[in-house]
Amino acid sequence: MVERPTVHEIAEFLADVREIRTGDGNSAGLAARKADLLERIAAAMPGDAEAAEVARIARAAADEAEGR
């Protein structure tokens, strides 16, 4: 089974969001990390269609941000 993101991982992600808001950091990389976190959450919650859809949308946005 896939492990849900830890509180520490989410805190690190949110700290990086703050960096992006100040003009530093990599927004495409941040989008990919967000998608990864949401995919792990969705995988840990089988049968939750809304979580799966949010993760799918986040992955599509991350792929677009990376130019895929």
N, C-alpha and C. Protein backbone atom coordinates (compact mmCIF):
# COMPACT_ATOMS: atom_id res chain seq x y z
N MET A 1 0.84 -1.18 0.00
CA MET A 1 0.00 0.00 0.00
C MET A 1 0.89 1.25 0.00
N VAL A 2 0.42 2.26 -0.71
CA VAL A 2 1.14 3.52 -0.78
C VAL A 2 0.97 4.28 0.53
N GLU A 3 2.05 4.89 0.99
CA GLU A 3 1.97 5.65 2.23
C GLU A 3 1.49 7.07 1.97
N ARG A 4 0.60 7.52 2.82
CA ARG A 4 0.16 8.91 2.74
C ARG A 4 1.35 9.81 3.03
N PRO A 5 1.31 11.03 2.52
CA PRO A 5 2.38 11.97 2.86
C PRO A 5 2.40 12.24 4.37
N THR A 6 3.57 12.44 4.88
CA THR A 6 3.71 12.75 6.31
C THR A 6 3.45 14.24 6.54
N VAL A 7 3.23 14.59 7.78
CA VAL A 7 3.06 16.00 8.14
C VAL A 7 4.33 16.77 7.76
N HIS A 8 5.47 16.15 7.96
CA HIS A 8 6.74 16.80 7.63
C HIS A 8 6.82 17.09 6.13
N GLU A 9 6.43 16.13 5.29
CA GLU A 9 6.47 16.35 3.84
C GLU A 9 5.54 17.48 3.43
N ILE A 10 4.37 17.52 4.01
CA ILE A 10 3.42 18.58 3.68
C ILE A 10 3.94 19.93 4.16
N ALA A 11 4.54 19.96 5.34
CA ALA A 11 5.11 21.21 5.86
C ALA A 11 6.23 21.71 4.95
N GLU A 12 7.08 20.82 4.47
CA GLU A 12 8.14 21.20 3.54
C GLU A 12 7.56 21.76 2.25
N PHE A 13 6.51 21.11 1.75
CA PHE A 13 5.86 21.58 0.53
C PHE A 13 5.31 22.99 0.75
N LEU A 14 4.63 23.21 1.87
CA LEU A 14 4.05 24.53 2.15
C LEU A 14 5.13 25.60 2.31
N ALA A 15 6.26 25.23 2.88
CA ALA A 15 7.37 26.17 3.00
C ALA A 15 7.87 26.56 1.61
N ASP A 16 7.91 25.61 0.71
CA ASP A 16 8.34 25.90 -0.66
C ASP A 16 7.30 26.74 -1.40
N VAL A 17 6.02 26.56 -1.08
CA VAL A 17 4.98 27.41 -1.66
C VAL A 17 5.24 28.86 -1.25
N ARG A 18 5.60 29.07 0.02
CA ARG A 18 5.92 30.41 0.50
C ARG A 18 7.09 31.01 -0.27
N GLU A 19 8.09 30.18 -0.56
CA GLU A 19 9.25 30.66 -1.33
C GLU A 19 8.83 31.11 -2.72
N ILE A 20 7.97 30.35 -3.35
CA ILE A 20 7.48 30.71 -4.69
C ILE A 20 6.77 32.06 -4.64
N ARG A 21 6.00 32.26 -3.61
CA ARG A 21 5.24 33.53 -3.47
C ARG A 21 6.17 34.73 -3.30
N THR A 22 7.40 34.51 -2.84
CA THR A 22 8.34 35.61 -2.68
C THR A 22 9.24 35.77 -3.91
N GLY A 23 9.03 34.93 -4.91
CA GLY A 23 9.78 35.06 -6.15
C GLY A 23 10.92 34.08 -6.30
N ASP A 24 11.17 33.25 -5.30
CA ASP A 24 12.24 32.27 -5.38
C ASP A 24 11.63 30.89 -5.62
N GLY A 25 12.41 29.99 -6.14
CA GLY A 25 11.95 28.61 -6.28
C GLY A 25 11.51 28.26 -7.69
N ASN A 26 11.19 26.99 -7.86
CA ASN A 26 10.85 26.42 -9.16
C ASN A 26 9.37 26.04 -9.16
N SER A 27 8.55 26.81 -9.87
CA SER A 27 7.10 26.55 -9.84
C SER A 27 6.75 25.23 -10.54
N ALA A 28 7.46 24.85 -11.60
CA ALA A 28 7.17 23.58 -12.27
C ALA A 28 7.50 22.41 -11.35
N GLY A 29 8.61 22.51 -10.65
CA GLY A 29 8.99 21.47 -9.70
C GLY A 29 8.01 21.38 -8.55
N LEU A 30 7.51 22.53 -8.10
CA LEU A 30 6.54 22.57 -7.03
C LEU A 30 5.23 21.93 -7.48
N ALA A 31 4.82 22.19 -8.71
CA ALA A 31 3.60 21.58 -9.25
C ALA A 31 3.74 20.06 -9.30
N ALA A 32 4.91 19.57 -9.66
CA ALA A 32 5.14 18.12 -9.71
C ALA A 32 5.08 17.52 -8.30
N ARG A 33 5.67 18.22 -7.33
CA ARG A 33 5.61 17.72 -5.94
C ARG A 33 4.18 17.70 -5.43
N LYS A 34 3.42 18.74 -5.76
CA LYS A 34 2.01 18.79 -5.35
C LYS A 34 1.26 17.60 -5.94
N ALA A 35 1.48 17.34 -7.22
CA ALA A 35 0.81 16.21 -7.88
C ALA A 35 1.21 14.90 -7.21
N ASP A 36 2.49 14.74 -6.89
CA ASP A 36 2.95 13.52 -6.22
C ASP A 36 2.24 13.32 -4.88
N LEU A 37 2.17 14.41 -4.10
CA LEU A 37 1.50 14.32 -2.80
C LEU A 37 0.03 13.94 -2.96
N LEU A 38 -0.65 14.60 -3.89
CA LEU A 38 -2.07 14.31 -4.09
C LEU A 38 -2.30 12.91 -4.64
N GLU A 39 -1.40 12.43 -5.48
CA GLU A 39 -1.52 11.06 -5.99
C GLU A 39 -1.35 10.05 -4.87
N ARG A 40 -0.43 10.32 -3.95
CA ARG A 40 -0.24 9.42 -2.81
C ARG A 40 -1.46 9.44 -1.89
N ILE A 41 -2.03 10.60 -1.69
CA ILE A 41 -3.24 10.69 -0.88
C ILE A 41 -4.37 9.90 -1.53
N ALA A 42 -4.55 10.08 -2.84
CA ALA A 42 -5.61 9.37 -3.57
C ALA A 42 -5.38 7.86 -3.53
N ALA A 43 -4.14 7.44 -3.67
CA ALA A 43 -3.83 6.01 -3.66
C ALA A 43 -4.13 5.39 -2.30
N ALA A 44 -3.98 6.19 -1.25
CA ALA A 44 -4.24 5.69 0.10
C ALA A 44 -5.73 5.69 0.42
N MET A 45 -6.52 6.25 -0.49
CA MET A 45 -7.97 6.35 -0.27
C MET A 45 -8.71 5.73 -1.46
N PRO A 46 -8.52 4.43 -1.70
CA PRO A 46 -9.19 3.81 -2.84
C PRO A 46 -10.70 3.97 -2.75
N GLY A 47 -11.30 4.21 -3.88
CA GLY A 47 -12.74 4.40 -3.91
C GLY A 47 -13.17 5.84 -3.74
N ASP A 48 -12.25 6.74 -3.42
CA ASP A 48 -12.58 8.16 -3.28
C ASP A 48 -12.38 8.82 -4.64
N ALA A 49 -13.46 8.93 -5.39
CA ALA A 49 -13.40 9.47 -6.75
C ALA A 49 -12.95 10.93 -6.77
N GLU A 50 -13.35 11.69 -5.77
CA GLU A 50 -12.97 13.10 -5.73
C GLU A 50 -11.46 13.25 -5.53
N ALA A 51 -10.89 12.48 -4.63
CA ALA A 51 -9.44 12.53 -4.41
C ALA A 51 -8.70 12.13 -5.67
N ALA A 52 -9.18 11.11 -6.35
CA ALA A 52 -8.55 10.66 -7.60
C ALA A 52 -8.63 11.73 -8.67
N GLU A 53 -9.76 12.42 -8.76
CA GLU A 53 -9.92 13.46 -9.76
C GLU A 53 -9.03 14.66 -9.47
N VAL A 54 -8.93 15.05 -8.21
CA VAL A 54 -8.04 16.16 -7.83
C VAL A 54 -6.59 15.81 -8.17
N ALA A 55 -6.19 14.59 -7.89
CA ALA A 55 -4.83 14.15 -8.21
C ALA A 55 -4.59 14.14 -9.72
N ARG A 56 -5.58 13.71 -10.49
CA ARG A 56 -5.46 13.68 -11.96
C ARG A 56 -5.28 15.10 -12.50
N ILE A 57 -6.08 16.02 -12.00
CA ILE A 57 -5.99 17.42 -12.45
C ILE A 57 -4.63 18.02 -12.08
N ALA A 58 -4.16 17.73 -10.88
CA ALA A 58 -2.86 18.25 -10.44
C ALA A 58 -1.74 17.69 -11.30
N ARG A 59 -1.81 16.41 -11.65
CA ARG A 59 -0.77 15.81 -12.50
C ARG A 59 -0.78 16.44 -13.90
N ALA A 60 -1.97 16.66 -14.45
CA ALA A 60 -2.07 17.28 -15.77
C ALA A 60 -1.47 18.68 -15.75
N ALA A 61 -1.75 19.44 -14.70
CA ALA A 61 -1.19 20.79 -14.57
C ALA A 61 0.32 20.74 -14.42
N ALA A 62 0.82 19.78 -13.65
CA ALA A 62 2.28 19.65 -13.47
C ALA A 62 2.96 19.29 -14.79
N ASP A 63 2.35 18.36 -15.51
CA ASP A 63 2.93 17.97 -16.80
C ASP A 63 2.94 19.16 -17.77
N GLU A 64 1.88 19.94 -17.75
CA GLU A 64 1.82 21.12 -18.63
C GLU A 64 2.88 22.15 -18.21
N ALA A 65 3.07 22.33 -16.92
CA ALA A 65 4.07 23.29 -16.43
C ALA A 65 5.49 22.86 -16.82
N GLU A 66 5.69 21.56 -16.92
CA GLU A 66 7.01 21.05 -17.31
C GLU A 66 7.18 20.97 -18.82
N GLY A 67 6.11 21.31 -19.56
CA GLY A 67 6.19 21.31 -21.02
C GLY A 67 6.02 19.95 -21.65
N ARG A 68 5.35 19.05 -20.98
CA ARG A 68 5.15 17.70 -21.54
C ARG A 68 3.96 17.65 -22.43
